[in-house]
Amino acid sequence: MICAARATRLRLMQKNNNSGGFSLAELLLSMLIGLMILLAVYQAFNVHSGDLKTQRLNVEMLQNARVGLDFTVRELRMAGYNPAGTLNDCTGTSTAANTPCAGLTSIANDSISFTADLNGNGNLTPDDANPDENITYNLYNSGGVMYLGRTTNGSLQPAAMNITSLSFNFYDGSNQTTTELALIRKIRVSVTAQAAAPGANNVYKTITLSSDVVPKCLGY
């Protein structure tokens, strides 16, 4: 009887030991499955993070282009403003030959300079008494970054960053291209902005915005 009882206890102990753990193969398989799940989660996170970065870069790029274009267009609308009527209209080809004058003083494919008597005192002298009346827009490089620059009274300030192209086209009253300052009635402004960092395939994305400006004070 004693031997039979001991044998029964041994069988129960072996059964309990066999059902209470995992084999090495089961542990390795579980670890492999866990690693595969972690890898899938990481890849999904990485893709989502990349999409967010791309969206942020695109938003910043579009904002830079809009700011640069809006600055230029808004001020160009006032070119030639001469409320006192005492200033001559600018004349000449590409560069004014009769400065000081009200209007476009210098034009090129990638830059423009113009004047406007904003305070109505009949004076366009570029000093503190006539702020923002002599303006130039062009591109410049600072620290490897291209900026749209706004110069007024000799002081250069950035208007927008990561601007890689600035272009102007000039048209007369018949919508024909011209470089005669006295004949210009419409100006097409185009601004190209570039993303601050490369996207897919290590390519920098760009966007170009354009607008036509009809300064009411030019020759009217």
C-alpha atoms as a PDB file:
ATOM      1  CA  MET A   1       0.000   0.000   0.000  1.00  0.00           C
ATOM      2  CA  ILE A   2       2.790   2.407   0.943  1.00  0.00           C
ATOM      3  CA  CYS A   3       4.620   1.765  -2.324  1.00  0.00           C
ATOM      4  CA  ALA A   4       1.447   2.252  -4.338  1.00  0.00           C
ATOM      5  CA  ALA A   5       0.715   5.581  -2.644  1.00  0.00           C
ATOM      6  CA  ARG A   6       4.293   6.771  -3.246  1.00  0.00           C
ATOM      7  CA  ALA A   7       4.101   5.860  -6.894  1.00  0.00           C
ATOM      8  CA  THR A   8       0.827   7.765  -7.238  1.00  0.00           C
ATOM      9  CA  ARG A   9       2.386  10.893  -5.696  1.00  0.00           C
ATOM     10  CA  LEU A  10       5.363  10.673  -8.044  1.00  0.00           C
ATOM     11  CA  ARG A  11       3.063  10.453 -11.082  1.00  0.00           C
ATOM     12  CA  LEU A  12       1.085  13.474  -9.862  1.00  0.00           C
ATOM     13  CA  MET A  13       4.281  15.473  -9.293  1.00  0.00           C
ATOM     14  CA  GLN A  14       5.543  14.651 -12.792  1.00  0.00           C
ATOM     15  CA  LYS A  15       2.192  15.639 -14.283  1.00  0.00           C
ATOM     16  CA  ASN A  16       2.228  18.955 -12.424  1.00  0.00           C
ATOM     17  CA  ASN A  17       5.808  19.675 -13.499  1.00  0.00           C
ATOM     18  CA  ASN A  18       5.012  18.919 -17.141  1.00  0.00           C
ATOM     19  CA  SER A  19       1.944  21.203 -17.236  1.00  0.00           C
ATOM     20  CA  GLY A  20       3.414  24.162 -15.346  1.00  0.00           C
ATOM     21  CA  GLY A  21       5.897  25.637 -17.876  1.00  0.00           C
ATOM     22  CA  PHE A  22       6.897  26.211 -21.518  1.00  0.00           C
ATOM     23  CA  SER A  23       9.399  24.380 -23.564  1.00  0.00           C
ATOM     24  CA  LEU A  24      12.410  26.204 -25.054  1.00  0.00           C
ATOM     25  CA  ALA A  25      10.889  25.973 -28.518  1.00  0.00           C
ATOM     26  CA  GLU A  26       7.658  27.607 -27.300  1.00  0.00           C
ATOM     27  CA  LEU A  27       9.598  30.445 -25.657  1.00  0.00           C
ATOM     28  CA  LEU A  28      11.638  31.099 -28.803  1.00  0.00           C
ATOM     29  CA  LEU A  29       8.502  31.112 -30.947  1.00  0.00           C
ATOM     30  CA  SER A  30       6.780  33.569 -28.591  1.00  0.00           C
ATOM     31  CA  MET A  31       9.805  35.881 -28.652  1.00  0.00           C
ATOM     32  CA  LEU A  32       9.898  35.745 -32.453  1.00  0.00           C
ATOM     33  CA  ILE A  33       6.220  36.650 -32.717  1.00  0.00           C
ATOM     34  CA  GLY A  34       6.716  39.525 -30.231  1.00  0.00           C
ATOM     35  CA  LEU A  35       9.676  40.878 -32.221  1.00  0.00           C
ATOM     36  CA  MET A  36       7.665  40.747 -35.446  1.00  0.00           C
ATOM     37  CA  ILE A  37       4.840  42.710 -33.798  1.00  0.00           C
ATOM     38  CA  LEU A  38       7.291  45.313 -32.460  1.00  0.00           C
ATOM     39  CA  LEU A  39       8.881  45.647 -35.909  1.00  0.00           C
ATOM     40  CA  ALA A  40       5.478  46.208 -37.541  1.00  0.00           C
ATOM     41  CA  VAL A  41       4.581  48.841 -34.922  1.00  0.00           C
ATOM     42  CA  TYR A  42       7.933  50.613 -35.429  1.00  0.00           C
ATOM     43  CA  GLN A  43       7.548  50.640 -39.201  1.00  0.00           C
ATOM     44  CA  ALA A  44       4.024  52.064 -38.925  1.00  0.00           C
ATOM     45  CA  PHE A  45       5.251  54.739 -36.506  1.00  0.00           C
ATOM     46  CA  ASN A  46       8.174  55.587 -38.773  1.00  0.00           C
ATOM     47  CA  VAL A  47       5.912  56.005 -41.813  1.00  0.00           C
ATOM     48  CA  HIS A  48       3.467  58.144 -39.836  1.00  0.00           C
ATOM     49  CA  SER A  49       6.304  60.294 -38.482  1.00  0.00           C
ATOM     50  CA  GLY A  50       7.671  60.784 -42.007  1.00  0.00           C
ATOM     51  CA  ASP A  51       4.231  61.799 -43.292  1.00  0.00           C
ATOM     52  CA  LEU A  52       3.890  64.366 -40.508  1.00  0.00           C
ATOM     53  CA  LYS A  53       7.336  65.793 -41.295  1.00  0.00           C
ATOM     54  CA  THR A  54       6.495  66.040 -45.000  1.00  0.00           C
ATOM     55  CA  GLN A  55       3.202  67.779 -44.256  1.00  0.00           C
ATOM     56  CA  ARG A  56       4.934  70.253 -41.946  1.00  0.00           C
ATOM     57  CA  LEU A  57       7.582  71.035 -44.571  1.00  0.00           C
ATOM     58  CA  ASN A  58       4.907  71.518 -47.248  1.00  0.00           C
ATOM     59  CA  VAL A  59       2.901  73.877 -45.030  1.00  0.00           C
ATOM     60  CA  GLU A  60       6.005  75.938 -44.222  1.00  0.00           C
ATOM     61  CA  MET A  61       6.966  76.054 -47.909  1.00  0.00           C
ATOM     62  CA  LEU A  62       3.510  77.240 -48.967  1.00  0.00           C
ATOM     63  CA  GLN A  63       3.454  79.821 -46.184  1.00  0.00           C
ATOM     64  CA  ASN A  64       6.840  81.223 -47.253  1.00  0.00           C
ATOM     65  CA  ALA A  65       5.677  81.526 -50.858  1.00  0.00           C
ATOM     66  CA  ARG A  66       2.446  83.253 -49.827  1.00  0.00           C
ATOM     67  CA  VAL A  67       4.185  85.686 -47.490  1.00  0.00           C
ATOM     68  CA  GLY A  68       6.792  86.597 -50.100  1.00  0.00           C
ATOM     69  CA  LEU A  69       4.206  87.124 -52.831  1.00  0.00           C
ATOM     70  CA  ASP A  70       1.784  89.050 -50.594  1.00  0.00           C
ATOM     71  CA  PHE A  71       4.507  91.432 -49.380  1.00  0.00           C
ATOM     72  CA  THR A  72       5.654  92.222 -52.904  1.00  0.00           C
ATOM     73  CA  VAL A  73       2.202  92.554 -54.463  1.00  0.00           C
ATOM     74  CA  ARG A  74       0.772  94.711 -51.684  1.00  0.00           C
ATOM     75  CA  GLU A  75       3.528  97.312 -51.903  1.00  0.00           C
ATOM     76  CA  LEU A  76       3.755  97.240 -55.692  1.00  0.00           C
ATOM     77  CA  ARG A  77       0.120  98.347 -55.883  1.00  0.00           C
ATOM     78  CA  MET A  78       1.218 101.703 -54.453  1.00  0.00           C
ATOM     79  CA  ALA A  79       4.074 102.252 -56.930  1.00  0.00           C
ATOM     80  CA  GLY A  80       3.896 105.753 -58.419  1.00  0.00           C
ATOM     81  CA  TYR A  81       1.627 107.159 -55.706  1.00  0.00           C
ATOM     82  CA  ASN A  82       1.921 110.936 -56.058  1.00  0.00           C
ATOM     83  CA  PRO A  83      -0.943 112.655 -54.216  1.00  0.00           C
ATOM     84  CA  ALA A  84       0.685 116.098 -54.251  1.00  0.00           C
ATOM     85  CA  GLY A  85       1.172 115.888 -58.025  1.00  0.00           C
ATOM     86  CA  THR A  86       4.569 117.562 -57.762  1.00  0.00           C
ATOM     87  CA  LEU A  87       6.715 114.546 -58.690  1.00  0.00           C
ATOM     88  CA  ASN A  88       7.495 113.495 -62.236  1.00  0.00           C
ATOM     89  CA  ASP A  89       6.585 110.029 -63.471  1.00  0.00           C
ATOM     90  CA  CYS A  90       9.603 107.776 -63.951  1.00  0.00           C
ATOM     91  CA  THR A  91      10.845 107.487 -67.542  1.00  0.00           C
ATOM     92  CA  GLY A  92      13.575 105.466 -69.186  1.00  0.00           C
ATOM     93  CA  THR A  93      14.265 101.886 -70.230  1.00  0.00           C
ATOM     94  CA  SER A  94      14.681  99.519 -67.274  1.00  0.00           C
ATOM     95  CA  THR A  95      16.262 102.278 -65.153  1.00  0.00           C
ATOM     96  CA  ALA A  96      14.765 105.697 -64.491  1.00  0.00           C
ATOM     97  CA  ALA A  97      16.595 108.538 -66.200  1.00  0.00           C
ATOM     98  CA  ASN A  98      14.856 111.306 -64.230  1.00  0.00           C
ATOM     99  CA  THR A  99      15.199 110.445 -60.542  1.00  0.00           C
ATOM    100  CA  PRO A 100      13.761 111.389 -58.149  1.00  0.00           C
ATOM    101  CA  CYS A 101      10.502 110.275 -59.726  1.00  0.00           C
ATOM    102  CA  ALA A 102       7.333 108.452 -58.709  1.00  0.00           C
ATOM    103  CA  GLY A 103       6.905 104.952 -60.113  1.00  0.00           C
ATOM    104  CA  LEU A 104       9.218 102.140 -61.155  1.00  0.00           C
ATOM    105  CA  THR A 105      12.833 103.235 -60.844  1.00  0.00           C
ATOM    106  CA  SER A 106      14.613 100.007 -61.840  1.00  0.00           C
ATOM    107  CA  ILE A 107      13.348  96.718 -63.254  1.00  0.00           C
ATOM    108  CA  ALA A 108      14.911  93.363 -64.122  1.00  0.00           C
ATOM    109  CA  ASN A 109      13.802  89.769 -64.522  1.00  0.00           C
ATOM    110  CA  ASP A 110      14.586  89.039 -60.864  1.00  0.00           C
ATOM    111  CA  SER A 111      14.386  92.394 -59.074  1.00  0.00           C
ATOM    112  CA  ILE A 112      12.345  95.570 -58.923  1.00  0.00           C
ATOM    113  CA  SER A 113      12.706  99.019 -57.361  1.00  0.00           C
ATOM    114  CA  PHE A 114       9.941 101.580 -57.046  1.00  0.00           C
ATOM    115  CA  THR A 115       8.872 104.700 -55.197  1.00  0.00           C
ATOM    116  CA  ALA A 116       5.628 106.000 -53.711  1.00  0.00           C
ATOM    117  CA  ASP A 117       5.024 109.287 -51.899  1.00  0.00           C
ATOM    118  CA  LEU A 118       3.110 107.667 -49.058  1.00  0.00           C
ATOM    119  CA  ASN A 119       3.106 110.704 -46.757  1.00  0.00           C
ATOM    120  CA  GLY A 120       2.138 113.076 -49.573  1.00  0.00           C
ATOM    121  CA  ASN A 121       4.868 115.619 -48.862  1.00  0.00           C
ATOM    122  CA  GLY A 122       6.185 115.664 -52.441  1.00  0.00           C
ATOM    123  CA  ASN A 123       9.559 114.372 -51.273  1.00  0.00           C
ATOM    124  CA  LEU A 124      11.054 110.936 -51.973  1.00  0.00           C
ATOM    125  CA  THR A 125      14.382 111.419 -50.212  1.00  0.00           C
ATOM    126  CA  PRO A 126      15.273 108.051 -48.613  1.00  0.00           C
ATOM    127  CA  ASP A 127      15.525 109.145 -44.999  1.00  0.00           C
ATOM    128  CA  ASP A 128      13.612 108.869 -41.735  1.00  0.00           C
ATOM    129  CA  ALA A 129      11.143 111.547 -42.857  1.00  0.00           C
ATOM    130  CA  ASN A 130      10.075 109.354 -45.795  1.00  0.00           C
ATOM    131  CA  PRO A 131       9.997 105.754 -44.573  1.00  0.00           C
ATOM    132  CA  ASP A 132       8.999 102.936 -46.935  1.00  0.00           C
ATOM    133  CA  GLU A 133       8.916 105.236 -49.975  1.00  0.00           C
ATOM    134  CA  ASN A 134      11.958 103.784 -51.783  1.00  0.00           C
ATOM    135  CA  ILE A 135      11.653 100.003 -51.981  1.00  0.00           C
ATOM    136  CA  THR A 136      13.564  97.202 -53.697  1.00  0.00           C
ATOM    137  CA  TYR A 137      12.694  93.498 -53.816  1.00  0.00           C
ATOM    138  CA  ASN A 138      15.291  90.895 -54.814  1.00  0.00           C
ATOM    139  CA  LEU A 139      16.865  87.631 -53.644  1.00  0.00           C
ATOM    140  CA  TYR A 140      19.945  87.257 -51.458  1.00  0.00           C
ATOM    141  CA  ASN A 141      21.857  84.435 -49.775  1.00  0.00           C
ATOM    142  CA  SER A 142      22.571  84.372 -46.065  1.00  0.00           C
ATOM    143  CA  GLY A 143      24.236  81.389 -44.422  1.00  0.00           C
ATOM    144  CA  GLY A 144      23.381  79.161 -47.367  1.00  0.00           C
ATOM    145  CA  VAL A 145      19.671  80.031 -47.204  1.00  0.00           C
ATOM    146  CA  MET A 146      17.982  82.032 -49.957  1.00  0.00           C
ATOM    147  CA  TYR A 147      15.774  84.918 -48.839  1.00  0.00           C
ATOM    148  CA  LEU A 148      13.409  87.333 -50.490  1.00  0.00           C
ATOM    149  CA  GLY A 149      14.888  90.658 -49.472  1.00  0.00           C
ATOM    150  CA  ARG A 150      13.073  93.946 -48.985  1.00  0.00           C
ATOM    151  CA  THR A 151      15.292  97.023 -49.006  1.00  0.00           C
ATOM    152  CA  THR A 152      13.902 100.378 -47.932  1.00  0.00           C
ATOM    153  CA  ASN A 153      16.005 103.512 -47.463  1.00  0.00           C
ATOM    154  CA  GLY A 154      19.131 101.361 -47.791  1.00  0.00           C
ATOM    155  CA  SER A 155      18.169  98.874 -45.074  1.00  0.00           C
ATOM    156  CA  LEU A 156      17.867  95.232 -46.183  1.00  0.00           C
ATOM    157  CA  GLN A 157      15.425  92.991 -44.312  1.00  0.00           C
ATOM    158  CA  PRO A 158      14.233  89.443 -45.052  1.00  0.00           C
ATOM    159  CA  ALA A 159      10.626  89.246 -46.233  1.00  0.00           C
ATOM    160  CA  ALA A 160      10.493  85.438 -46.632  1.00  0.00           C
ATOM    161  CA  MET A 161      12.966  82.554 -46.398  1.00  0.00           C
ATOM    162  CA  ASN A 162      13.727  79.572 -48.638  1.00  0.00           C
ATOM    163  CA  ILE A 163      12.717  81.579 -51.720  1.00  0.00           C
ATOM    164  CA  THR A 164      14.683  80.165 -54.656  1.00  0.00           C
ATOM    165  CA  SER A 165      13.245  82.213 -57.520  1.00  0.00           C
ATOM    166  CA  LEU A 166      11.736  85.664 -57.972  1.00  0.00           C
ATOM    167  CA  SER A 167      10.632  86.824 -61.404  1.00  0.00           C
ATOM    168  CA  PHE A 168       8.869  89.823 -62.929  1.00  0.00           C
ATOM    169  CA  ASN A 169       7.214  90.353 -66.305  1.00  0.00           C
ATOM    170  CA  PHE A 170       6.120  93.799 -67.417  1.00  0.00           C
ATOM    171  CA  TYR A 171       3.240  94.705 -69.742  1.00  0.00           C
ATOM    172  CA  ASP A 172       1.915  97.884 -71.313  1.00  0.00           C
ATOM    173  CA  GLY A 173      -1.718  98.948 -71.696  1.00  0.00           C
ATOM    174  CA  SER A 174      -2.134  96.589 -74.662  1.00  0.00           C
ATOM    175  CA  ASN A 175      -0.827  93.652 -72.607  1.00  0.00           C
ATOM    176  CA  GLN A 176       2.419  93.575 -74.595  1.00  0.00           C
ATOM    177  CA  THR A 177       5.734  93.063 -72.839  1.00  0.00           C
ATOM    178  CA  THR A 178       7.779  96.213 -72.386  1.00  0.00           C
ATOM    179  CA  THR A 179      10.743  97.579 -70.446  1.00  0.00           C
ATOM    180  CA  GLU A 180       9.788 101.239 -70.972  1.00  0.00           C
ATOM    181  CA  LEU A 181       9.071 102.444 -67.432  1.00  0.00           C
ATOM    182  CA  ALA A 182       6.539 105.056 -68.516  1.00  0.00           C
ATOM    183  CA  LEU A 183       4.517 102.449 -70.455  1.00  0.00           C
ATOM    184  CA  ILE A 184       4.257  99.711 -67.835  1.00  0.00           C
ATOM    185  CA  ARG A 185       0.710  99.150 -66.621  1.00  0.00           C
ATOM    186  CA  LYS A 186       0.786  95.559 -65.339  1.00  0.00           C
ATOM    187  CA  ILE A 187       3.397  93.489 -63.526  1.00  0.00           C
ATOM    188  CA  ARG A 188       3.330  89.729 -63.153  1.00  0.00           C
ATOM    189  CA  VAL A 189       5.109  88.575 -60.003  1.00  0.00           C
ATOM    190  CA  SER A 190       6.171  84.946 -59.495  1.00  0.00           C
ATOM    191  CA  VAL A 191       7.703  83.566 -56.312  1.00  0.00           C
ATOM    192  CA  THR A 192       9.138  80.054 -55.938  1.00  0.00           C
ATOM    193  CA  ALA A 193       9.656  78.617 -52.452  1.00  0.00           C
ATOM    194  CA  GLN A 194      11.571  75.452 -51.577  1.00  0.00           C
ATOM    195  CA  ALA A 195      11.033  73.039 -48.689  1.00  0.00           C
ATOM    196  CA  ALA A 196      13.547  73.464 -45.875  1.00  0.00           C
ATOM    197  CA  ALA A 197      14.554  69.773 -46.074  1.00  0.00           C
ATOM    198  CA  PRO A 198      14.436  67.068 -48.769  1.00  0.00           C
ATOM    199  CA  GLY A 199      11.535  64.663 -49.008  1.00  0.00           C
ATOM    200  CA  ALA A 200      11.206  61.327 -50.775  1.00  0.00           C
ATOM    201  CA  ASN A 201      14.180  60.287 -52.913  1.00  0.00           C
ATOM    202  CA  ASN A 202      16.171  63.119 -51.316  1.00  0.00           C
ATOM    203  CA  VAL A 203      14.431  65.677 -53.553  1.00  0.00           C
ATOM    204  CA  TYR A 204      13.572  69.202 -52.403  1.00  0.00           C
ATOM    205  CA  LYS A 205       9.958  70.028 -53.184  1.00  0.00           C
ATOM    206  CA  THR A 206       9.124  73.484 -54.589  1.00  0.00           C
ATOM    207  CA  ILE A 207       6.006  75.539 -55.225  1.00  0.00           C
ATOM    208  CA  THR A 208       5.498  78.624 -57.404  1.00  0.00           C
ATOM    209  CA  LEU A 209       2.823  81.253 -56.823  1.00  0.00           C
ATOM    210  CA  SER A 210       2.074  84.095 -59.240  1.00  0.00           C
ATOM    211  CA  SER A 211      -0.061  87.214 -59.248  1.00  0.00           C
ATOM    212  CA  ASP A 212      -0.732  90.108 -61.622  1.00  0.00           C
ATOM    213  CA  VAL A 213      -0.464  93.603 -60.203  1.00  0.00           C
ATOM    214  CA  VAL A 214      -2.015  96.683 -61.820  1.00  0.00           C
ATOM    215  CA  PRO A 215      -0.676  99.736 -59.933  1.00  0.00           C
ATOM    216  CA  LYS A 216      -3.351 102.373 -60.442  1.00  0.00           C
ATOM    217  CA  CYS A 217      -0.839 105.185 -60.067  1.00  0.00           C
ATOM    218  CA  LEU A 218       1.357 104.241 -63.026  1.00  0.00           C
ATOM    219  CA  GLY A 219       0.567 106.579 -65.898  1.00  0.00           C
ATOM    220  CA  TYR A 220      -3.129 107.031 -65.086  1.00  0.00           C
END
